[in-house]
Amino acid sequence: AGVAAGVCKSVVAPMERVKILMQTQHANRHVLLRTEVPYTGIRDCLARVVNEQGIPALWRGNAVAIARQVPLKALGLSFKDALRKMVPPPDPARGYLWLLAHNSAAAGAGAAMAISLV
Protein backbone atom coordinates (compact mmCIF):
# COMPACT_ATOMS: atom_id res chain seq x y z
CA ALA A 1 0.00 0.00 0.00
CA GLY A 2 2.88 2.35 0.73
CA VAL A 3 4.42 1.81 -2.70
CA ALA A 4 1.06 2.33 -4.40
CA ALA A 5 0.62 5.59 -2.49
CA GLY A 6 4.07 6.72 -3.61
CA VAL A 7 3.29 5.91 -7.24
CA CYS A 8 -0.02 7.76 -7.05
CA LYS A 9 1.65 10.81 -5.52
CA SER A 10 4.24 10.78 -8.31
CA VAL A 11 1.59 10.57 -11.01
CA VAL A 12 -0.35 13.58 -9.72
CA ALA A 13 2.75 15.58 -8.69
CA PRO A 14 2.76 17.83 -11.81
CA MET A 15 -0.88 18.79 -11.21
CA GLU A 16 -0.15 19.46 -7.52
CA ARG A 17 2.86 21.63 -8.43
CA VAL A 18 0.81 23.73 -10.86
CA LYS A 19 -1.98 24.05 -8.28
CA ILE A 20 0.44 25.28 -5.63
CA LEU A 21 2.09 27.76 -8.01
CA MET A 22 -1.31 29.12 -9.04
CA GLN A 23 -2.45 29.45 -5.42
CA THR A 24 0.71 31.17 -4.18
CA GLN A 25 1.58 33.36 -7.15
CA HIS A 26 0.15 36.50 -5.55
CA ALA A 27 2.56 36.12 -2.64
CA ASN A 28 5.56 35.81 -4.99
CA ARG A 29 7.80 38.86 -4.58
CA HIS A 30 8.61 38.93 -8.31
CA VAL A 31 4.91 39.24 -9.10
CA LEU A 32 4.47 41.87 -6.38
CA LEU A 33 7.40 43.92 -7.74
CA ARG A 34 6.00 43.46 -11.25
CA THR A 35 9.25 41.93 -12.54
CA GLU A 36 7.32 38.80 -13.46
CA VAL A 37 3.90 38.46 -15.07
CA PRO A 38 1.38 36.43 -13.06
CA TYR A 39 0.11 33.18 -14.54
CA THR A 40 -3.04 33.61 -16.60
CA GLY A 41 -4.21 30.03 -16.21
CA ILE A 42 -3.26 26.40 -15.81
CA ARG A 43 -1.90 26.04 -19.34
CA ASP A 44 0.18 29.18 -19.02
CA CYS A 45 1.59 28.03 -15.67
CA LEU A 46 2.42 24.56 -16.98
CA ALA A 47 4.05 25.90 -20.14
CA ARG A 48 6.12 28.50 -18.29
CA VAL A 49 7.35 26.03 -15.67
CA VAL A 50 8.44 23.57 -18.38
CA ASN A 51 10.06 26.30 -20.51
CA GLU A 52 11.80 28.17 -17.69
CA GLN A 53 12.72 25.36 -15.28
CA GLY A 54 12.47 22.15 -17.29
CA ILE A 55 10.23 19.11 -17.02
CA PRO A 56 11.78 17.78 -13.74
CA ALA A 57 10.60 20.97 -12.01
CA LEU A 58 7.06 19.60 -12.16
CA TRP A 59 8.12 16.97 -9.59
CA ARG A 60 9.86 19.42 -7.26
CA GLY A 61 8.87 18.63 -3.68
CA ASN A 62 7.50 15.21 -4.59
CA ALA A 63 10.11 13.33 -2.56
CA VAL A 64 8.85 14.95 0.63
CA ALA A 65 5.26 14.03 -0.19
CA ILE A 66 6.25 10.42 -0.84
CA ALA A 67 8.37 10.27 2.31
CA ARG A 68 5.29 11.32 4.28
CA GLN A 69 2.75 9.18 2.40
CA VAL A 70 4.48 5.78 2.50
CA PRO A 71 4.74 5.42 6.29
CA LEU A 72 1.28 6.95 6.70
CA LYS A 73 -0.35 4.24 4.58
CA ALA A 74 1.73 1.47 6.14
CA LEU A 75 0.80 2.58 9.67
CA GLY A 76 -2.85 2.95 8.70
CA LEU A 77 -3.06 -0.61 7.42
CA SER A 78 -1.18 -1.97 10.43
CA PHE A 79 -3.46 -0.19 12.87
CA LYS A 80 -6.54 -1.34 10.93
CA ASP A 81 -5.48 -4.97 11.15
CA ALA A 82 -4.66 -4.66 14.85
CA LEU A 83 -8.00 -3.01 15.60
CA ARG A 84 -9.94 -5.64 13.63
CA LYS A 85 -8.33 -8.34 15.77
CA MET A 86 -9.22 -6.54 19.01
CA VAL A 87 -12.93 -6.30 18.18
CA PRO A 88 -15.03 -9.48 18.05
CA PRO A 89 -15.45 -10.72 14.47
CA PRO A 90 -18.65 -9.68 12.73
CA ASP A 91 -21.47 -12.20 12.65
CA PRO A 92 -22.18 -13.27 9.03
CA ALA A 93 -25.81 -13.82 9.97
CA ARG A 94 -26.19 -10.05 10.45
CA GLY A 95 -25.48 -9.43 6.76
CA TYR A 96 -22.99 -7.60 4.61
CA LEU A 97 -23.92 -4.17 5.95
CA TRP A 98 -22.67 -5.17 9.38
CA LEU A 99 -19.43 -6.51 7.87
CA LEU A 100 -19.00 -3.24 5.97
CA ALA A 101 -19.56 -1.21 9.13
CA HIS A 102 -17.07 -3.36 11.07
CA ASN A 103 -14.33 -2.96 8.43
CA SER A 104 -15.06 0.74 7.90
CA ALA A 105 -14.81 1.48 11.61
CA ALA A 106 -11.49 -0.33 11.85
CA ALA A 107 -10.13 1.42 8.75
CA GLY A 108 -11.26 4.85 9.96
CA ALA A 109 -9.80 4.39 13.42
CA GLY A 110 -6.56 3.03 11.94
CA ALA A 111 -6.24 6.00 9.58
CA ALA A 112 -6.91 8.45 12.42
CA MET A 113 -4.25 6.82 14.58
CA ALA A 114 -1.72 6.89 11.70
CA ILE A 115 -2.39 10.55 10.92
CA SER A 116 -1.90 11.47 14.57
CA LEU A 117 1.58 9.91 14.49
CA VAL A 118 2.89 11.18 11.15
Foldseek 3Di string as FASTA:
>chain_A
DLVVQLVVLQVCQLVVQLVVCLVCVVVDVCVVVVVDPRQPDSVSSSVCCCVPPNDCVSCVPSVVVSVLRNQLVVQLVVQLVVVLVVDPHDDCVVDDVRVVVSSVVSSVVSNVVSVVVD
